[in-house]
Amino acid sequence: MATYNISLADLRQDIAGLIPAELVLRWNGQDKTSARHEQLMAPFRKRGTVVSTDSAGLSSLTQRYSLAQVMKLVSEPKEVIHSYGTAIGGEAIGIWAADNSQMFFEEKIAPARVVAQMLAMQARARALQVQVGIGIHSCECYRVGGGLFGEGADFIEAIAEDETSGGEIVVSEAVLEHLTGPVRDAARVREDLQDKGALWSLTDFRGSVDAVEGNNPHYPMPFDAAFFQRLRSASVEELGKEEFPEYWKTRTVAFVKVGHEPHRFLLDSFTDMSLINLAVRRIAVSHGADVVKSNGSLAIVLFDEGRDAVAFARDVIEGNRALGFKARVGLTRGEVYLFPLANGEREIAGNPVNIASKLAEDSGLEGVLVESSVELGEGSRKGEPFRLTLSKVDLTGHRFAV
């Protein structure tokens, strides 16, 4: 493989991504103490209520509908979440790509009021084809570079994604203690989650709540305003007949997932993320690749040819290994949509992204996982065959150990 010299000094010349480079450099430039960490992070500290959501059944939807149809079905509950959340002063966090969302409510907004809004949202969403699970937790966290960081924010995001079902709201003890009356009475202990903490479930609550519907469905979209307007105005059937050639591309998708060990100090995690992001971008440039997204824990990189994608994947795994990190890469090929965003960045959507992410994140296999849709050409070395079923989707291909 080629040699890539990656160091913190390079952050002065390269884009650091989500984490401000100057913050990372200041932290690593002097002794790392609790007092100094608190001082550097104080301007970013927030206390309030975090709401994280995740849709149910996205993988099966992608097998039944076109990409545009799936995007409409997933968008509908996010529009309702945003309307109810912003109606009481909630702030949308990040770009609501894929099938999840996150909102933050400052401490002055009572947790009970947040729960009432989400209960009303779930009642409204019962008529929609896609249901969502919601996690709600009150905690201290850090707002940095447009994202929420900290143990509390990570905790409830994982609960929403992994432990909720469609139509359910799971609340932490920090939220439950603010609930009263019928809502409190309806909460049931999630005994199956005792190893993760004290959590309660609200499912199919039929009582009345004091909620404000709101009128702002314009969540932070992973596509431009013109496409969003078409999603809202067209029926699912109509969208099934549209191809949107202005966004449509056929590409080989590399989904990179990089893990790093937890640290005592959040700024040490930020340091890891900055180095990982820098490594991915440097290696992608050397392979002539198109980086759509890279944030220090995952990256989505596009290629015209499968062999180029495999070469990049090998280098990114070895490059991160040299830095002390473990990377996994999933490769697929197919039709995707690429959307220009108002901030000059881009977002991507499509089943190849979903499949590549599952190979990298959920397969449990190391190395480069090349799904059968990727052509490697004559004379290319074939890896070890694999056959997997992930989220009820059967996948086959070859694994290359690195």
Protein backbone atom coordinates (compact mmCIF):
# COMPACT_ATOMS: atom_id res chain seq x y z
CA MET A 1 0.00 0.00 0.00
CA ALA A 2 0.99 3.64 -0.31
CA THR A 3 2.29 5.41 2.80
CA TYR A 4 0.14 8.20 4.21
CA ASN A 5 1.66 10.40 6.88
CA ILE A 6 -1.20 11.66 9.00
CA SER A 7 -0.63 13.91 12.00
CA LEU A 8 -2.46 16.57 13.97
CA ALA A 9 -0.27 19.22 12.38
CA ASP A 10 -2.04 18.49 9.09
CA LEU A 11 -5.32 19.77 10.52
CA ARG A 12 -4.06 23.30 9.94
CA GLN A 13 -4.11 22.68 6.20
CA ASP A 14 -6.93 20.18 5.81
CA ILE A 15 -10.65 20.32 6.49
CA ALA A 16 -11.27 18.81 9.92
CA GLY A 17 -14.95 18.14 9.30
CA LEU A 18 -17.52 18.24 12.05
CA ILE A 19 -15.05 19.02 14.85
CA PRO A 20 -13.34 22.46 14.81
CA ALA A 21 -9.63 21.91 14.15
CA GLU A 22 -8.58 24.71 16.47
CA LEU A 23 -10.36 23.07 19.42
CA VAL A 24 -8.51 19.79 18.84
CA LEU A 25 -5.16 21.53 18.41
CA ARG A 26 -5.58 23.59 21.59
CA TRP A 27 -6.40 20.47 23.59
CA ASN A 28 -3.39 18.55 22.31
CA GLY A 29 -1.01 21.48 22.63
CA GLN A 30 -0.80 21.45 26.44
CA ASP A 31 -1.24 19.13 29.43
CA LYS A 32 -4.53 17.24 29.39
CA THR A 33 -6.25 17.83 32.73
CA SER A 34 -9.86 17.76 33.89
CA ALA A 35 -9.78 21.48 34.66
CA ARG A 36 -8.46 22.35 31.23
CA HIS A 37 -10.97 20.07 29.50
CA GLU A 38 -13.80 21.74 31.40
CA GLN A 39 -12.49 25.16 30.43
CA LEU A 40 -12.25 24.34 26.73
CA MET A 41 -15.65 22.65 26.58
CA ALA A 42 -17.56 25.19 28.72
CA PRO A 43 -18.72 27.30 25.73
CA PHE A 44 -20.28 24.22 24.15
CA ARG A 45 -22.06 22.82 27.23
CA LYS A 46 -25.85 22.50 27.10
CA ARG A 47 -28.43 21.07 29.47
CA GLY A 48 -31.87 20.03 28.37
CA THR A 49 -33.88 17.23 26.81
CA VAL A 50 -32.72 15.17 23.82
CA VAL A 51 -35.23 13.47 21.52
CA SER A 52 -33.90 10.83 19.13
CA THR A 53 -36.03 8.87 16.66
CA ASP A 54 -35.63 5.92 14.33
CA SER A 55 -38.01 4.54 11.72
CA ALA A 56 -39.13 0.92 11.71
CA GLY A 57 -38.85 -1.38 8.70
CA LEU A 58 -36.73 0.71 6.34
CA SER A 59 -34.89 -2.30 4.90
CA SER A 60 -38.11 -4.03 3.85
CA LEU A 61 -39.43 -0.81 2.30
CA THR A 62 -36.41 -0.60 0.00
CA GLN A 63 -37.31 -4.02 -1.41
CA ARG A 64 -40.88 -2.98 -2.26
CA TYR A 65 -40.69 0.61 -3.44
CA SER A 66 -38.59 2.86 -5.63
CA LEU A 67 -36.05 5.18 -4.00
CA ALA A 68 -38.27 8.26 -4.41
CA GLN A 69 -41.23 6.40 -2.90
CA VAL A 70 -39.18 5.28 0.11
CA MET A 71 -37.91 8.82 0.64
CA LYS A 72 -41.47 10.15 0.73
CA LEU A 73 -42.62 7.49 3.19
CA VAL A 74 -39.64 8.15 5.49
CA SER A 75 -40.01 11.92 5.15
CA GLU A 76 -43.63 12.03 6.30
CA PRO A 77 -43.04 11.20 10.00
CA LYS A 78 -39.98 13.47 10.10
CA GLU A 79 -42.17 16.36 8.94
CA VAL A 80 -44.57 15.68 11.83
CA ILE A 81 -41.73 15.34 14.35
CA HIS A 82 -40.25 18.66 13.28
CA SER A 83 -43.62 20.43 13.36
CA TYR A 84 -44.42 19.28 16.89
CA GLY A 85 -40.88 19.76 18.16
CA THR A 86 -40.33 23.28 16.86
CA ALA A 87 -43.80 24.33 18.05
CA ILE A 88 -42.46 24.49 21.63
CA GLY A 89 -38.95 25.72 20.85
CA GLY A 90 -37.13 22.50 19.98
CA GLU A 91 -34.07 22.72 17.76
CA ALA A 92 -33.32 20.22 14.99
CA ILE A 93 -29.82 18.75 15.21
CA GLY A 94 -27.78 17.89 12.12
CA ILE A 95 -29.09 16.78 8.74
CA TRP A 96 -31.97 14.33 9.07
CA ALA A 97 -30.66 11.82 6.56
CA ALA A 98 -31.77 8.19 6.27
CA ASP A 99 -34.57 7.31 8.69
CA ASN A 100 -33.55 8.99 11.95
CA SER A 101 -33.77 12.42 13.54
CA GLN A 102 -32.63 14.31 16.64
CA MET A 103 -33.92 17.40 18.46
CA PHE A 104 -32.75 19.36 21.49
CA PHE A 105 -34.96 21.23 23.96
CA GLU A 106 -33.28 23.65 26.34
CA GLU A 107 -33.66 23.19 30.09
CA LYS A 108 -36.33 25.91 30.35
CA ILE A 109 -38.66 23.66 28.29
CA ALA A 110 -40.15 21.16 30.72
CA PRO A 111 -39.47 17.49 29.89
CA ALA A 112 -43.15 16.71 30.49
CA ARG A 113 -44.04 19.17 27.76
CA VAL A 114 -41.61 17.51 25.37
CA VAL A 115 -43.17 14.12 26.10
CA ALA A 116 -46.67 15.55 25.50
CA GLN A 117 -45.57 16.87 22.11
CA MET A 118 -44.10 13.51 21.11
CA LEU A 119 -47.19 11.65 22.28
CA ALA A 120 -49.29 13.92 20.06
CA MET A 121 -46.83 13.35 17.25
CA GLN A 122 -47.16 9.58 17.59
CA ALA A 123 -50.95 9.85 17.58
CA ARG A 124 -50.80 11.87 14.37
CA ALA A 125 -48.31 9.44 12.81
CA ARG A 126 -50.53 6.39 13.31
CA ALA A 127 -52.12 7.14 9.95
CA LEU A 128 -48.74 7.05 8.18
CA GLN A 129 -47.24 3.97 6.59
CA VAL A 130 -43.88 4.40 8.36
CA GLN A 131 -43.86 4.41 12.16
CA VAL A 132 -41.04 5.66 14.38
CA GLY A 133 -39.62 4.78 17.76
CA ILE A 134 -38.60 7.67 20.02
CA GLY A 135 -36.12 7.95 22.88
CA ILE A 136 -36.26 10.92 25.30
CA HIS A 137 -33.61 11.77 27.90
CA SER A 138 -32.73 14.86 29.97
CA CYS A 139 -29.00 15.35 30.40
CA GLU A 140 -25.96 17.54 29.99
CA CYS A 141 -24.31 17.38 26.58
CA TYR A 142 -22.17 19.41 24.21
CA ARG A 143 -23.23 21.17 21.03
CA VAL A 144 -20.19 21.18 18.74
CA GLY A 145 -20.07 21.71 14.98
CA GLY A 146 -23.79 21.20 14.53
CA GLY A 147 -23.91 17.90 16.45
CA LEU A 148 -24.68 16.76 20.00
CA PHE A 149 -21.98 14.90 21.91
CA GLY A 150 -21.64 13.34 25.35
CA GLU A 151 -22.69 10.18 27.15
CA GLY A 152 -26.32 11.23 27.55
CA ALA A 153 -26.83 12.13 23.90
CA ASP A 154 -25.09 8.94 22.73
CA PHE A 155 -27.11 6.86 25.17
CA ILE A 156 -30.57 7.93 24.05
CA GLU A 157 -29.61 7.84 20.37
CA ALA A 158 -28.58 4.19 20.77
CA ILE A 159 -31.80 3.40 22.66
CA ALA A 160 -33.94 4.95 19.93
CA GLU A 161 -32.08 3.16 17.16
CA ASP A 162 -31.71 -0.28 18.72
CA GLU A 163 -34.39 -0.68 21.39
CA THR A 164 -37.61 1.03 20.28
CA SER A 165 -40.43 -0.23 18.08
CA GLY A 166 -42.67 1.75 15.76
CA GLY A 167 -45.13 3.93 17.70
CA GLU A 168 -43.23 3.58 20.99
CA ILE A 169 -41.69 6.26 23.21
CA VAL A 170 -38.97 5.21 25.65
CA VAL A 171 -38.11 7.69 28.41
CA SER A 172 -35.27 7.72 30.91
CA GLU A 173 -35.64 8.09 34.66
CA ALA A 174 -34.53 11.72 34.33
CA VAL A 175 -37.62 12.32 32.19
CA LEU A 176 -40.05 10.04 34.05
CA GLU A 177 -39.62 11.97 37.29
CA HIS A 178 -41.19 15.01 35.61
CA LEU A 179 -44.28 13.14 34.36
CA THR A 180 -47.59 13.22 36.22
CA GLY A 181 -51.17 12.00 35.91
CA PRO A 182 -52.31 9.60 33.17
CA VAL A 183 -49.03 9.86 31.25
CA ARG A 184 -47.02 8.79 34.28
CA ASP A 185 -49.52 6.00 35.02
CA ALA A 186 -49.25 4.69 31.46
CA ALA A 187 -45.47 4.31 31.57
CA ARG A 188 -44.31 0.71 31.83
CA VAL A 189 -40.83 -0.43 32.86
CA ARG A 190 -38.74 -1.88 30.04
CA GLU A 191 -37.42 -4.76 32.12
CA ASP A 192 -35.54 -6.10 29.12
CA LEU A 193 -33.35 -2.98 29.17
CA GLN A 194 -32.29 -3.12 32.82
CA ASP A 195 -28.67 -3.66 31.83
CA LYS A 196 -28.77 -0.32 29.96
CA GLY A 197 -30.41 1.70 32.73
CA ALA A 198 -33.84 2.58 34.12
CA LEU A 199 -36.16 3.05 31.13
CA TRP A 200 -39.93 3.24 30.69
CA SER A 201 -42.12 2.69 27.65
CA LEU A 202 -45.17 4.61 26.45
CA THR A 203 -46.98 2.74 23.70
CA ASP A 204 -50.34 3.54 22.07
CA PHE A 205 -51.23 6.15 24.70
CA ARG A 206 -54.86 7.07 24.05
CA GLY A 207 -55.36 9.81 26.62
CA SER A 208 -55.46 13.51 25.86
CA VAL A 209 -52.37 15.73 26.15
CA ASP A 210 -51.85 19.46 26.06
CA ALA A 211 -49.89 19.78 22.81
CA VAL A 212 -49.31 22.28 20.01
CA GLU A 213 -49.32 20.88 16.48
CA GLY A 214 -47.04 23.44 14.88
CA ASN A 215 -46.78 24.30 11.20
CA ASN A 216 -43.14 23.87 10.21
CA PRO A 217 -42.55 20.57 8.39
CA HIS A 218 -39.25 21.80 6.88
CA TYR A 219 -36.80 19.66 8.83
CA PRO A 220 -33.06 19.84 7.94
CA MET A 221 -33.38 17.92 4.68
CA PRO A 222 -30.80 15.69 2.98
CA PHE A 223 -31.94 17.08 -0.39
CA ASP A 224 -32.75 20.41 -2.00
CA ALA A 225 -36.00 22.36 -1.63
CA ALA A 226 -37.27 21.47 -5.11
CA PHE A 227 -37.06 17.75 -4.44
CA PHE A 228 -38.71 18.16 -1.02
CA GLN A 229 -41.61 20.03 -2.59
CA ARG A 230 -42.09 17.23 -5.11
CA LEU A 231 -42.05 14.62 -2.34
CA ARG A 232 -44.77 16.47 -0.46
CA SER A 233 -46.99 17.20 -3.46
CA ALA A 234 -46.85 13.84 -5.27
CA SER A 235 -48.53 10.63 -4.22
CA VAL A 236 -46.57 7.45 -3.60
CA GLU A 237 -47.97 6.03 -6.84
CA GLU A 238 -46.90 9.11 -8.85
CA LEU A 239 -43.38 8.99 -7.42
CA GLY A 240 -43.05 5.39 -8.53
CA LYS A 241 -43.19 6.61 -12.14
CA GLU A 242 -40.55 9.35 -11.81
CA GLU A 243 -36.79 8.85 -12.26
CA PHE A 244 -35.39 12.32 -11.31
CA PRO A 245 -32.49 12.19 -13.82
CA GLU A 246 -31.02 15.42 -12.45
CA TYR A 247 -30.08 13.56 -9.24
CA TRP A 248 -29.67 10.00 -10.47
CA LYS A 249 -26.24 8.35 -10.71
CA THR A 250 -24.94 4.79 -10.96
CA ARG A 251 -21.87 4.37 -8.78
CA THR A 252 -19.91 1.92 -6.67
CA VAL A 253 -20.47 2.96 -3.06
CA ALA A 254 -17.85 2.46 -0.35
CA PHE A 255 -19.20 2.79 3.17
CA VAL A 256 -16.39 3.14 5.70
CA LYS A 257 -17.01 2.53 9.40
CA VAL A 258 -14.14 3.28 11.80
CA GLY A 259 -14.19 2.38 15.48
CA HIS A 260 -12.05 3.83 18.23
CA GLU A 261 -11.78 3.17 21.92
CA PRO A 262 -13.79 5.29 24.39
CA HIS A 263 -11.83 7.97 26.21
CA ARG A 264 -12.10 9.67 29.57
CA PHE A 265 -12.10 13.06 27.87
CA LEU A 266 -14.45 13.93 25.02
CA LEU A 267 -11.72 16.01 23.39
CA ASP A 268 -9.60 12.88 23.00
CA SER A 269 -12.50 11.32 21.07
CA PHE A 270 -12.65 14.48 18.97
CA THR A 271 -8.92 14.05 18.29
CA ASP A 272 -9.54 10.51 17.04
CA MET A 273 -12.41 11.69 14.82
CA SER A 274 -10.28 14.44 13.30
CA LEU A 275 -7.44 12.04 12.49
CA ILE A 276 -9.81 9.45 11.01
CA ASN A 277 -11.52 12.06 8.87
CA LEU A 278 -8.17 13.38 7.68
CA ALA A 279 -6.95 9.89 6.80
CA VAL A 280 -10.10 9.02 4.83
CA ARG A 281 -9.95 12.23 2.81
CA ARG A 282 -6.21 11.96 2.10
CA ILE A 283 -6.51 8.36 0.93
CA ALA A 284 -9.62 9.14 -1.15
CA VAL A 285 -7.79 11.92 -2.97
CA SER A 286 -4.93 9.56 -3.84
CA HIS A 287 -7.46 7.20 -5.45
CA GLY A 288 -9.37 9.90 -7.33
CA ALA A 289 -12.48 9.11 -5.29
CA ASP A 290 -15.53 11.28 -4.64
CA VAL A 291 -16.07 11.80 -0.89
CA VAL A 292 -19.72 12.61 -0.25
CA LYS A 293 -19.49 12.42 3.53
CA SER A 294 -16.79 11.91 6.16
CA ASN A 295 -17.23 12.78 9.83
CA GLY A 296 -14.59 10.83 11.71
CA SER A 297 -16.63 7.71 12.40
CA LEU A 298 -18.13 6.93 9.00
CA ALA A 299 -17.60 7.93 5.40
CA ILE A 300 -19.43 7.47 2.09
CA VAL A 301 -17.11 7.48 -0.92
CA LEU A 302 -18.06 6.95 -4.58
CA PHE A 303 -16.19 5.27 -7.46
CA ASP A 304 -16.76 4.58 -11.14
CA GLU A 305 -14.95 1.24 -11.03
CA GLY A 306 -15.12 -1.58 -8.48
CA ARG A 307 -11.38 -2.30 -8.59
CA ASP A 308 -10.62 1.29 -7.60
CA ALA A 309 -13.03 1.00 -4.69
CA VAL A 310 -11.33 -2.17 -3.44
CA ALA A 311 -7.90 -0.55 -3.64
CA PHE A 312 -9.19 2.45 -1.66
CA ALA A 313 -10.82 0.17 0.90
CA ARG A 314 -7.58 -1.72 1.49
CA ASP A 315 -5.64 1.50 1.94
CA VAL A 316 -8.20 3.05 4.27
CA ILE A 317 -8.21 -0.04 6.49
CA GLU A 318 -4.40 -0.19 6.64
CA GLY A 319 -4.08 3.58 7.03
CA ASN A 320 -6.43 3.63 9.98
CA ARG A 321 -4.74 0.58 11.47
CA ALA A 322 -1.46 2.52 11.45
CA LEU A 323 -3.22 5.22 13.47
CA GLY A 324 -4.55 2.66 15.96
CA PHE A 325 -8.11 2.43 14.62
CA LYS A 326 -10.13 -0.45 13.16
CA ALA A 327 -11.95 0.21 9.88
CA ARG A 328 -14.43 -1.93 8.01
CA VAL A 329 -15.62 -1.23 4.48
CA GLY A 330 -18.71 -2.39 2.61
CA LEU A 331 -18.91 -2.04 -1.19
CA THR A 332 -22.03 -2.15 -3.37
CA ARG A 333 -23.01 -0.80 -6.78
CA GLY A 334 -26.29 0.66 -7.98
CA GLU A 335 -28.45 3.70 -8.49
CA VAL A 336 -28.21 6.55 -5.99
CA TYR A 337 -29.44 10.12 -5.76
CA LEU A 338 -26.93 12.89 -5.12
CA PHE A 339 -28.40 16.11 -3.75
CA PRO A 340 -26.74 19.54 -3.57
CA LEU A 341 -27.38 21.26 -0.24
CA ALA A 342 -27.69 24.98 0.45
CA ASN A 343 -24.46 24.97 2.52
CA GLY A 344 -22.42 23.74 -0.44
CA GLU A 345 -22.24 20.15 0.77
CA ARG A 346 -24.02 17.12 -0.68
CA GLU A 347 -26.12 14.26 0.59
CA ILE A 348 -26.71 10.83 -0.88
CA ALA A 349 -29.63 8.41 -0.78
CA GLY A 350 -30.23 4.97 -2.21
CA ASN A 351 -30.38 1.29 -1.45
CA PRO A 352 -26.66 0.78 -2.27
CA VAL A 353 -25.81 3.10 0.63
CA ASN A 354 -28.08 1.13 2.98
CA ILE A 355 -26.59 -2.21 1.94
CA ALA A 356 -22.98 -1.01 2.10
CA SER A 357 -23.61 0.40 5.58
CA LYS A 358 -25.05 -2.89 6.80
CA LEU A 359 -22.04 -4.78 5.47
CA ALA A 360 -19.64 -2.42 7.25
CA GLU A 361 -21.61 -1.99 10.48
CA ASP A 362 -23.77 -5.06 11.05
CA SER A 363 -22.13 -8.06 9.38
CA GLY A 364 -19.56 -8.73 12.11
CA LEU A 365 -16.99 -9.53 9.42
CA GLU A 366 -13.59 -7.86 9.15
CA GLY A 367 -11.93 -6.44 6.06
CA VAL A 368 -13.49 -5.38 2.75
CA LEU A 369 -16.94 -6.83 2.01
CA VAL A 370 -17.72 -6.65 -1.70
CA GLU A 371 -21.38 -7.29 -2.47
CA SER A 372 -22.17 -9.24 -5.63
CA SER A 373 -23.39 -6.15 -7.52
CA VAL A 374 -19.76 -4.86 -7.75
CA GLU A 375 -17.87 -5.98 -10.86
CA LEU A 376 -14.13 -6.41 -10.28
CA GLY A 377 -13.17 -7.37 -13.82
CA GLU A 378 -11.26 -10.29 -15.29
CA GLY A 379 -8.13 -11.33 -13.48
CA SER A 380 -9.14 -9.79 -10.17
CA ARG A 381 -8.43 -11.96 -7.17
CA LYS A 382 -11.59 -13.34 -5.62
CA GLY A 383 -11.88 -13.23 -1.87
CA GLU A 384 -13.70 -15.53 0.52
CA PRO A 385 -17.39 -15.94 -0.43
CA PHE A 386 -20.02 -14.80 2.05
CA ARG A 387 -23.77 -15.15 2.36
CA LEU A 388 -25.57 -13.01 4.95
CA THR A 389 -29.10 -12.06 5.95
CA LEU A 390 -29.19 -8.58 7.45
CA SER A 391 -32.50 -6.89 8.35
CA LYS A 392 -34.32 -9.61 6.36
CA VAL A 393 -32.24 -8.87 3.24
CA ASP A 394 -30.13 -11.68 1.71
CA LEU A 395 -26.66 -10.53 0.65
CA THR A 396 -23.88 -12.40 -1.14
CA GLY A 397 -20.40 -11.45 -2.23
CA HIS A 398 -16.72 -11.81 -1.35
CA ARG A 399 -14.67 -10.74 1.64
CA PHE A 400 -11.09 -9.55 1.27
CA ALA A 401 -8.99 -9.80 4.41
CA VAL A 402 -6.63 -6.88 4.97
